[in-house]
Protein backbone atom coordinates (compact mmCIF):
# COMPACT_ATOMS: atom_id res chain seq x y z
CA UNK A 1 -63.16 -12.29 34.35
CA UNK A 2 -62.77 -8.69 32.94
CA UNK A 3 -63.56 -9.23 29.27
CA UNK A 4 -64.38 -5.62 28.84
CA UNK A 5 -62.74 -4.72 25.51
CA UNK A 6 -60.08 -1.39 25.67
CA UNK A 7 -58.88 0.36 22.61
CA UNK A 8 -55.41 1.69 22.50
CA UNK A 9 -53.59 3.59 19.88
CA UNK A 10 -50.13 2.19 18.95
CA UNK A 11 -47.36 3.23 16.36
CA UNK A 12 -46.46 0.65 14.13
CA UNK A 13 -43.95 1.11 11.26
CA UNK A 14 -44.15 4.73 11.66
CA UNK A 15 -48.33 4.97 11.76
CA UNK A 16 -50.60 5.32 14.35
CA UNK A 17 -53.70 2.54 14.57
CA UNK A 18 -55.75 1.31 17.23
CA UNK A 19 -56.05 -2.03 18.67
CA UNK A 20 -58.89 -3.63 20.62
CA UNK A 21 -58.29 -6.11 23.02
CA UNK A 22 -59.64 -7.79 26.11
CA UNK A 23 -58.16 -6.23 29.32
CA UNK A 24 -56.62 -9.50 30.29
CA UNK A 25 -55.04 -9.81 26.76
CA UNK A 26 -53.62 -6.42 27.33
CA UNK A 27 -52.16 -7.30 30.98
CA UNK A 28 -50.90 -10.64 29.37
CA UNK A 29 -48.95 -8.72 26.41
CA UNK A 30 -47.55 -6.36 28.93
CA UNK A 31 -46.18 -9.25 31.01
CA UNK A 32 -44.95 -11.10 27.76
CA UNK A 33 -43.30 -7.78 26.59
CA UNK A 34 -41.63 -7.31 30.02
CA UNK A 35 -40.37 -10.89 29.96
CA UNK A 36 -38.70 -10.28 26.50
CA UNK A 37 -37.06 -7.17 27.76
CA UNK A 38 -39.28 -4.70 25.18
CA UNK A 39 -42.15 -2.75 24.84
CA UNK A 40 -45.71 -3.46 24.40
CA UNK A 41 -45.37 -1.36 21.30
CA UNK A 42 -42.08 -3.23 19.71
CA UNK A 43 -44.04 -6.66 20.64
CA UNK A 44 -47.13 -5.12 18.78
CA UNK A 45 -44.77 -4.32 15.67
CA UNK A 46 -42.95 -7.87 15.50
CA UNK A 47 -46.42 -9.31 15.64
CA UNK A 48 -47.65 -7.04 12.80
CA UNK A 49 -45.00 -7.65 10.93
CA UNK A 50 -45.30 -11.58 10.77
CA UNK A 51 -49.11 -11.70 10.97
CA UNK A 52 -49.61 -11.98 7.05
CA UNK A 53 -53.32 -11.34 6.24
CA UNK A 54 -55.04 -11.99 9.79
CA UNK A 55 -56.32 -9.14 12.00
CA UNK A 56 -54.02 -7.52 13.84
CA UNK A 57 -56.13 -8.01 17.18
CA UNK A 58 -56.54 -11.72 16.60
CA UNK A 59 -52.72 -12.15 15.63
CA UNK A 60 -52.12 -10.64 18.98
CA UNK A 61 -54.40 -13.21 20.84
CA UNK A 62 -52.84 -16.01 19.59
CA UNK A 63 -49.29 -14.82 19.88
CA UNK A 64 -50.09 -14.44 23.39
CA UNK A 65 -51.97 -17.79 23.75
CA UNK A 66 -48.80 -19.39 21.87
CA UNK A 67 -46.47 -17.91 24.03
CA UNK A 68 -48.34 -18.66 27.35
CA UNK A 69 -48.75 -22.20 26.32
CA UNK A 70 -44.75 -22.54 25.37
CA UNK A 71 -44.20 -21.14 28.94
CA UNK A 72 -46.63 -23.46 30.93
CA UNK A 73 -45.42 -26.51 28.88
CA UNK A 74 -43.06 -29.04 30.79
């Protein structure tokens, strides 16, 4: 299923940070960002701004899951 962890560097609110996600989550994040007409970095920035105290990688996974659940709902 391609569960290898991929670490990427992103710029959020003017500072660089690294995010580690499984490859399928990176693919889903790219698809979600494209469907919203924005960059992956912009989407990660929005997730970061709304995440509260949770870990950024976890917040991204939850956001992707929620978005795909919403899209799958009849």
